Structure formats: C-alpha cells, structure tokens
C-alpha cells in the first residue's frame, strides 16, 4: 500500500465527514480523480462541481441541524416529565443533586468558581473540569445563557445538573469539534465559590 496516497484519501474523507458528508459514490469519485490526474475531459465544469459540493454540504448541515433540534426537543419533553426535574420559564431544566445549606447565590455580574462535566444528550463528553481536576473561574455574564440562569439558582457548595436547550446554549453555532449547531447540552455543575 502507498501510504502517501492512503493518507491523502484519509484526509479527504475526514474533511468530507466533518462537513456532514458520510457517503459518496466511490466509482464517480475515483473517475473524477483519474480524469483530473490524467488531464482527461471533465464530466462537469469546475463551477458546477463547486456548486454541487456546496449544495451537498449545505444539505448535510441542514439535515444535521434538524436532527439535533428534534433530538433535543424530544429529550427535553421526556426529561421534563421526571419528578426530580424542574423546568424554568425560559425552558432551562435542572435537577438538584446536592443542595448546600448556605444562602449565598451568585449574581450575573459576579465571578464564580465551578467544577463541571458537560455532555451531549447521547452521553458524549465534550468538556470536563472534573476530568482535568481543574476547577474554572469566569465572570457569570460571559458564559451561555443556560449557565447564567442556572448558576444564579444555586447556593455555594451545591451541585446541580442542567439540561440546556440549544437556544440557551450555542444556538445555531457549533462549539468545538463535538457540539454541533442546535445541540441540547447537559452539565453537572458544582458551585465552589463566588470570587
């Protein structure tokens, strides 16, 4: 096996997959590669090829976005029926894992220190200060709306689980390699302090 050719194919496939294209017609793909490298007449113009590719990427992204919206809505509808889950007016859902006895709650302009573990609704971990064993501090007004609202419900020392609809998370934007557009997120959060 020629590792250079394999590597090129692997990179092309990974790039396509990252853009939501997980299937192609191998014969057509190979024919296009052969025609370009051999200098043969091309079956479509470069402009048409670019338009075809752009349209397919947009179609794949729309399919992914619609799937994320539906999965999130279905999850939140079922989750909201659980007795231990509280749903706020904004749509944020939360569950109290451990309620501290203190009275001190952060305000929107406060800086807070937390430990957190974030997952998608399928359980995929996308970030975790717990796994890194490194709590994080940040201004509360500098994070997603679901955190802004949820952390203000907590007293210092409490642990909550937040179920955050996409409109209180990253909305139509992706965040990093794991969080796609319109993703519902789950966070286990421990409020360690107000700084």
C-alpha atoms as a PDB file:
ATOM      1  CA  UNK A   1       0.000   0.000   0.000  1.00  0.00           C
ATOM      2  CA  UNK A   2       1.217   3.503  -0.859  1.00  0.00           C
ATOM      3  CA  UNK A   3       0.925   5.337   2.463  1.00  0.00           C
ATOM      4  CA  UNK A   4       1.034   8.783   0.826  1.00  0.00           C
ATOM      5  CA  UNK A   5      -1.968   8.025  -1.387  1.00  0.00           C
ATOM      6  CA  UNK A   6      -3.766   6.417   1.530  1.00  0.00           C
ATOM      7  CA  UNK A   7      -3.048   9.476   3.681  1.00  0.00           C
ATOM      8  CA  UNK A   8      -4.433  11.819   1.015  1.00  0.00           C
ATOM      9  CA  UNK A   9      -7.591   9.709   0.755  1.00  0.00           C
ATOM     10  CA  UNK A  10      -7.921   9.606   4.523  1.00  0.00           C
ATOM     11  CA  UNK A  11      -7.615  13.397   4.826  1.00  0.00           C
ATOM     12  CA  UNK A  12     -10.163  13.987   2.053  1.00  0.00           C
ATOM     13  CA  UNK A  13     -12.599  11.515   3.654  1.00  0.00           C
ATOM     14  CA  UNK A  14     -12.183  13.041   7.130  1.00  0.00           C
ATOM     15  CA  UNK A  15     -12.747  16.544   5.732  1.00  0.00           C
ATOM     16  CA  UNK A  16     -15.890  15.390   3.926  1.00  0.00           C
ATOM     17  CA  UNK A  17     -17.161  13.631   7.036  1.00  0.00           C
ATOM     18  CA  UNK A  18     -16.518  16.746   9.142  1.00  0.00           C
ATOM     19  CA  UNK A  19     -18.762  18.659   6.740  1.00  0.00           C
ATOM     20  CA  UNK A  20     -21.580  16.151   7.121  1.00  0.00           C
ATOM     21  CA  UNK A  21     -20.955  14.078   4.003  1.00  0.00           C
ATOM     22  CA  UNK A  22     -20.665  10.497   5.159  1.00  0.00           C
ATOM     23  CA  UNK A  23     -21.332   8.693   1.873  1.00  0.00           C
ATOM     24  CA  UNK A  24     -20.152   9.195  -1.699  1.00  0.00           C
ATOM     25  CA  UNK A  25     -20.263   7.099  -4.839  1.00  0.00           C
ATOM     26  CA  UNK A  26     -16.754   5.600  -4.876  1.00  0.00           C
ATOM     27  CA  UNK A  27     -16.811   4.897  -8.620  1.00  0.00           C
ATOM     28  CA  UNK A  28     -17.664   8.512  -9.502  1.00  0.00           C
ATOM     29  CA  UNK A  29     -15.110   9.796  -7.008  1.00  0.00           C
ATOM     30  CA  UNK A  30     -12.365   7.568  -8.436  1.00  0.00           C
ATOM     31  CA  UNK A  31     -13.315   8.547 -12.021  1.00  0.00           C
ATOM     32  CA  UNK A  32     -13.020  12.250 -11.139  1.00  0.00           C
ATOM     33  CA  UNK A  33      -9.605  11.672  -9.552  1.00  0.00           C
ATOM     34  CA  UNK A  34      -8.463   9.699 -12.598  1.00  0.00           C
ATOM     35  CA  UNK A  35      -9.735  12.358 -15.057  1.00  0.00           C
ATOM     36  CA  UNK A  36      -8.077  15.235 -13.196  1.00  0.00           C
ATOM     37  CA  UNK A  37      -4.719  13.475 -12.831  1.00  0.00           C
ATOM     38  CA  UNK A  38      -4.751  12.197 -16.445  1.00  0.00           C
ATOM     39  CA  UNK A  39      -5.841  15.542 -17.892  1.00  0.00           C
ATOM     40  CA  UNK A  40      -8.982  13.986 -19.399  1.00  0.00           C
ATOM     41  CA  UNK A  41     -12.113  15.966 -20.253  1.00  0.00           C
ATOM     42  CA  UNK A  42     -14.141  16.529 -17.097  1.00  0.00           C
ATOM     43  CA  UNK A  43     -17.767  15.384 -16.825  1.00  0.00           C
ATOM     44  CA  UNK A  44     -18.795  18.662 -15.106  1.00  0.00           C
ATOM     45  CA  UNK A  45     -17.322  22.144 -15.115  1.00  0.00           C
ATOM     46  CA  UNK A  46     -15.318  23.347 -12.122  1.00  0.00           C
ATOM     47  CA  UNK A  47     -18.067  25.881 -11.382  1.00  0.00           C
ATOM     48  CA  UNK A  48     -20.739  23.154 -11.413  1.00  0.00           C
ATOM     49  CA  UNK A  49     -18.523  20.919  -9.275  1.00  0.00           C
ATOM     50  CA  UNK A  50     -18.123  23.690  -6.702  1.00  0.00           C
ATOM     51  CA  UNK A  51     -21.879  24.359  -6.708  1.00  0.00           C
ATOM     52  CA  UNK A  52     -22.689  20.636  -6.388  1.00  0.00           C
ATOM     53  CA  UNK A  53     -20.294  20.304  -3.463  1.00  0.00           C
ATOM     54  CA  UNK A  54     -21.554  23.468  -1.752  1.00  0.00           C
ATOM     55  CA  UNK A  55     -25.189  22.355  -2.137  1.00  0.00           C
ATOM     56  CA  UNK A  56     -24.427  18.890  -0.722  1.00  0.00           C
ATOM     57  CA  UNK A  57     -22.587  20.363   2.280  1.00  0.00           C
ATOM     58  CA  UNK A  58     -25.484  22.751   2.972  1.00  0.00           C
ATOM     59  CA  UNK A  59     -27.964  19.877   2.641  1.00  0.00           C
ATOM     60  CA  UNK A  60     -25.942  17.717   5.052  1.00  0.00           C
ATOM     61  CA  UNK A  61     -25.656  20.571   7.547  1.00  0.00           C
ATOM     62  CA  UNK A  62     -29.415  21.222   7.398  1.00  0.00           C
ATOM     63  CA  UNK A  63     -30.117  17.522   7.969  1.00  0.00           C
ATOM     64  CA  UNK A  64     -27.774  17.519  10.956  1.00  0.00           C
ATOM     65  CA  UNK A  65     -29.274  20.713  12.376  1.00  0.00           C
ATOM     66  CA  UNK A  66     -32.831  19.391  12.006  1.00  0.00           C
ATOM     67  CA  UNK A  67     -31.825  16.108  13.653  1.00  0.00           C
ATOM     68  CA  UNK A  68     -30.195  17.978  16.567  1.00  0.00           C
ATOM     69  CA  UNK A  69     -33.289  20.163  17.047  1.00  0.00           C
ATOM     70  CA  UNK A  70     -35.640  17.160  17.039  1.00  0.00           C
ATOM     71  CA  UNK A  71     -33.447  15.029  19.304  1.00  0.00           C
ATOM     72  CA  UNK A  72     -33.097  17.904  21.774  1.00  0.00           C
ATOM     73  CA  UNK A  73     -36.820  18.691  21.800  1.00  0.00           C
ATOM     74  CA  UNK A  74     -37.732  15.009  22.251  1.00  0.00           C
ATOM     75  CA  UNK A  75     -35.179  14.608  25.038  1.00  0.00           C
ATOM     76  CA  UNK A  76     -36.350  17.718  26.914  1.00  0.00           C
ATOM     77  CA  UNK A  77     -40.021  16.728  26.553  1.00  0.00           C
ATOM     78  CA  UNK A  78     -39.358  13.328  28.155  1.00  0.00           C
ATOM     79  CA  UNK A  79     -36.856  14.655  30.693  1.00  0.00           C
ATOM     80  CA  UNK A  80     -39.260  17.381  31.843  1.00  0.00           C
ATOM     81  CA  UNK A  81     -41.753  14.699  32.930  1.00  0.00           C
ATOM     82  CA  UNK A  82     -39.363  13.326  35.540  1.00  0.00           C
ATOM     83  CA  UNK A  83     -40.363  14.247  39.114  1.00  0.00           C
ATOM     84  CA  UNK A  84     -36.891  15.450  40.057  1.00  0.00           C
ATOM     85  CA  UNK A  85     -36.559  17.823  37.087  1.00  0.00           C
ATOM     86  CA  UNK A  86     -37.640  21.454  37.345  1.00  0.00           C
ATOM     87  CA  UNK A  87     -38.293  23.482  34.193  1.00  0.00           C
ATOM     88  CA  UNK A  88     -37.955  27.261  34.303  1.00  0.00           C
ATOM     89  CA  UNK A  89     -39.944  29.739  32.223  1.00  0.00           C
ATOM     90  CA  UNK A  90     -37.043  30.044  29.752  1.00  0.00           C
ATOM     91  CA  UNK A  91     -37.002  26.277  29.142  1.00  0.00           C
ATOM     92  CA  UNK A  92     -33.904  25.529  31.226  1.00  0.00           C
ATOM     93  CA  UNK A  93     -34.300  22.242  33.068  1.00  0.00           C
ATOM     94  CA  UNK A  94     -32.378  21.396  36.193  1.00  0.00           C
ATOM     95  CA  UNK A  95     -32.089  18.733  38.817  1.00  0.00           C
ATOM     96  CA  UNK A  96     -30.709  19.294  42.294  1.00  0.00           C
ATOM     97  CA  UNK A  97     -28.027  16.714  43.012  1.00  0.00           C
ATOM     98  CA  UNK A  98     -26.870  18.249  46.285  1.00  0.00           C
ATOM     99  CA  UNK A  99     -28.226  21.427  47.893  1.00  0.00           C
ATOM    100  CA  UNK A 100     -25.824  23.285  50.170  1.00  0.00           C
ATOM    101  CA  UNK A 101     -27.189  24.895  53.322  1.00  0.00           C
ATOM    102  CA  UNK A 102     -25.706  28.333  52.581  1.00  0.00           C
ATOM    103  CA  UNK A 103     -27.650  31.347  51.394  1.00  0.00           C
ATOM    104  CA  UNK A 104     -25.082  32.943  49.102  1.00  0.00           C
ATOM    105  CA  UNK A 105     -26.101  32.868  45.429  1.00  0.00           C
ATOM    106  CA  UNK A 106     -24.152  34.484  42.597  1.00  0.00           C
ATOM    107  CA  UNK A 107     -25.462  37.487  40.701  1.00  0.00           C
ATOM    108  CA  UNK A 108     -24.998  37.997  36.961  1.00  0.00           C
ATOM    109  CA  UNK A 109     -22.012  40.348  37.389  1.00  0.00           C
ATOM    110  CA  UNK A 110     -20.181  38.064  39.833  1.00  0.00           C
ATOM    111  CA  UNK A 111     -17.163  35.921  39.050  1.00  0.00           C
ATOM    112  CA  UNK A 112     -17.761  32.294  40.000  1.00  0.00           C
ATOM    113  CA  UNK A 113     -15.599  29.222  40.532  1.00  0.00           C
ATOM    114  CA  UNK A 114     -17.075  25.894  39.430  1.00  0.00           C
ATOM    115  CA  UNK A 115     -16.389  22.284  38.652  1.00  0.00           C
ATOM    116  CA  UNK A 116     -18.396  20.947  35.710  1.00  0.00           C
ATOM    117  CA  UNK A 117     -18.855  17.956  33.435  1.00  0.00           C
ATOM    118  CA  UNK A 118     -20.517  18.584  30.055  1.00  0.00           C
ATOM    119  CA  UNK A 119     -22.135  16.015  27.781  1.00  0.00           C
ATOM    120  CA  UNK A 120     -24.384  15.834  24.770  1.00  0.00           C
ATOM    121  CA  UNK A 121     -27.743  14.116  25.235  1.00  0.00           C
ATOM    122  CA  UNK A 122     -26.223  10.878  23.903  1.00  0.00           C
ATOM    123  CA  UNK A 123     -23.654  10.907  26.723  1.00  0.00           C
ATOM    124  CA  UNK A 124     -20.689  12.122  24.643  1.00  0.00           C
ATOM    125  CA  UNK A 125     -18.397  14.133  26.915  1.00  0.00           C
ATOM    126  CA  UNK A 126     -17.303  17.401  25.289  1.00  0.00           C
ATOM    127  CA  UNK A 127     -15.633  19.118  28.253  1.00  0.00           C
ATOM    128  CA  UNK A 128     -14.988  18.408  31.909  1.00  0.00           C
ATOM    129  CA  UNK A 129     -13.095  20.352  34.535  1.00  0.00           C
ATOM    130  CA  UNK A 130     -13.757  17.335  36.765  1.00  0.00           C
ATOM    131  CA  UNK A 131     -11.786  15.019  34.444  1.00  0.00           C
ATOM    132  CA  UNK A 132      -8.978  17.588  34.270  1.00  0.00           C
ATOM    133  CA  UNK A 133      -9.193  18.051  38.054  1.00  0.00           C
ATOM    134  CA  UNK A 134      -9.048  21.814  37.454  1.00  0.00           C
ATOM    135  CA  UNK A 135     -11.947  23.998  38.614  1.00  0.00           C
ATOM    136  CA  UNK A 136     -12.552  27.045  36.442  1.00  0.00           C
ATOM    137  CA  UNK A 137     -13.362  30.666  37.307  1.00  0.00           C
ATOM    138  CA  UNK A 138     -15.198  33.049  34.988  1.00  0.00           C
ATOM    139  CA  UNK A 139     -17.488  36.081  35.005  1.00  0.00           C
ATOM    140  CA  UNK A 140     -21.036  34.741  35.043  1.00  0.00           C
ATOM    141  CA  UNK A 141     -22.168  37.197  32.374  1.00  0.00           C
ATOM    142  CA  UNK A 142     -19.539  35.785  29.981  1.00  0.00           C
ATOM    143  CA  UNK A 143     -20.992  32.298  29.537  1.00  0.00           C
ATOM    144  CA  UNK A 144     -24.009  30.748  27.804  1.00  0.00           C
ATOM    145  CA  UNK A 145     -27.462  31.863  28.966  1.00  0.00           C
ATOM    146  CA  UNK A 146     -28.289  28.448  30.439  1.00  0.00           C
ATOM    147  CA  UNK A 147     -25.328  28.750  32.803  1.00  0.00           C
ATOM    148  CA  UNK A 148     -26.145  32.367  33.614  1.00  0.00           C
ATOM    149  CA  UNK A 149     -29.655  31.426  34.677  1.00  0.00           C
ATOM    150  CA  UNK A 150     -28.815  28.105  36.298  1.00  0.00           C
ATOM    151  CA  UNK A 151     -25.888  29.239  38.419  1.00  0.00           C
ATOM    152  CA  UNK A 152     -27.972  32.067  39.896  1.00  0.00           C
ATOM    153  CA  UNK A 153     -30.331  29.403  41.286  1.00  0.00           C
ATOM    154  CA  UNK A 154     -27.510  27.696  43.185  1.00  0.00           C
ATOM    155  CA  UNK A 155     -26.016  28.359  46.598  1.00  0.00           C
ATOM    156  CA  UNK A 156     -22.275  27.984  47.097  1.00  0.00           C
ATOM    157  CA  UNK A 157     -21.439  24.308  47.641  1.00  0.00           C
ATOM    158  CA  UNK A 158     -24.460  22.999  45.715  1.00  0.00           C
ATOM    159  CA  UNK A 159     -24.363  20.550  42.812  1.00  0.00           C
ATOM    160  CA  UNK A 160     -26.969  20.777  40.054  1.00  0.00           C
ATOM    161  CA  UNK A 161     -27.493  19.098  36.711  1.00  0.00           C
ATOM    162  CA  UNK A 162     -28.562  21.475  33.935  1.00  0.00           C
ATOM    163  CA  UNK A 163     -30.377  20.360  30.789  1.00  0.00           C
ATOM    164  CA  UNK A 164     -29.853  23.295  28.457  1.00  0.00           C
ATOM    165  CA  UNK A 165     -31.910  23.740  25.268  1.00  0.00           C
ATOM    166  CA  UNK A 166     -29.967  24.933  22.241  1.00  0.00           C
ATOM    167  CA  UNK A 167     -31.383  28.475  22.440  1.00  0.00           C
ATOM    168  CA  UNK A 168     -29.846  28.855  25.918  1.00  0.00           C
ATOM    169  CA  UNK A 169     -26.589  27.216  24.776  1.00  0.00           C
ATOM    170  CA  UNK A 170     -24.787  27.904  21.480  1.00  0.00           C
ATOM    171  CA  UNK A 171     -27.866  28.153  19.251  1.00  0.00           C
ATOM    172  CA  UNK A 172     -27.119  27.819  15.547  1.00  0.00           C
ATOM    173  CA  UNK A 173     -23.349  27.819  16.132  1.00  0.00           C
ATOM    174  CA  UNK A 174     -21.158  24.800  16.604  1.00  0.00           C
ATOM    175  CA  UNK A 175     -18.749  24.936  19.537  1.00  0.00           C
ATOM    176  CA  UNK A 176     -15.566  22.951  19.117  1.00  0.00           C
ATOM    177  CA  UNK A 177     -15.386  19.624  17.330  1.00  0.00           C
ATOM    178  CA  UNK A 178     -18.148  17.908  19.345  1.00  0.00           C
ATOM    179  CA  UNK A 179     -21.017  20.372  19.870  1.00  0.00           C
ATOM    180  CA  UNK A 180     -22.982  20.753  16.655  1.00  0.00           C
ATOM    181  CA  UNK A 181     -25.422  23.538  15.825  1.00  0.00           C
ATOM    182  CA  UNK A 182     -28.715  23.388  17.750  1.00  0.00           C
ATOM    183  CA  UNK A 183     -27.350  20.964  20.348  1.00  0.00           C
ATOM    184  CA  UNK A 184     -29.038  20.449  23.706  1.00  0.00           C
ATOM    185  CA  UNK A 185     -26.390  20.186  26.421  1.00  0.00           C
ATOM    186  CA  UNK A 186     -26.198  18.561  29.852  1.00  0.00           C
ATOM    187  CA  UNK A 187     -23.918  19.904  32.565  1.00  0.00           C
ATOM    188  CA  UNK A 188     -23.239  18.647  36.070  1.00  0.00           C
ATOM    189  CA  UNK A 189     -22.106  21.778  37.900  1.00  0.00           C
ATOM    190  CA  UNK A 190     -20.747  22.287  41.405  1.00  0.00           C
ATOM    191  CA  UNK A 191     -20.618  25.919  42.541  1.00  0.00           C
ATOM    192  CA  UNK A 192     -17.395  26.130  44.535  1.00  0.00           C
ATOM    193  CA  UNK A 193     -17.390  29.838  45.244  1.00  0.00           C
ATOM    194  CA  UNK A 194     -18.110  33.435  44.337  1.00  0.00           C
ATOM    195  CA  UNK A 195     -14.961  35.490  43.825  1.00  0.00           C
END
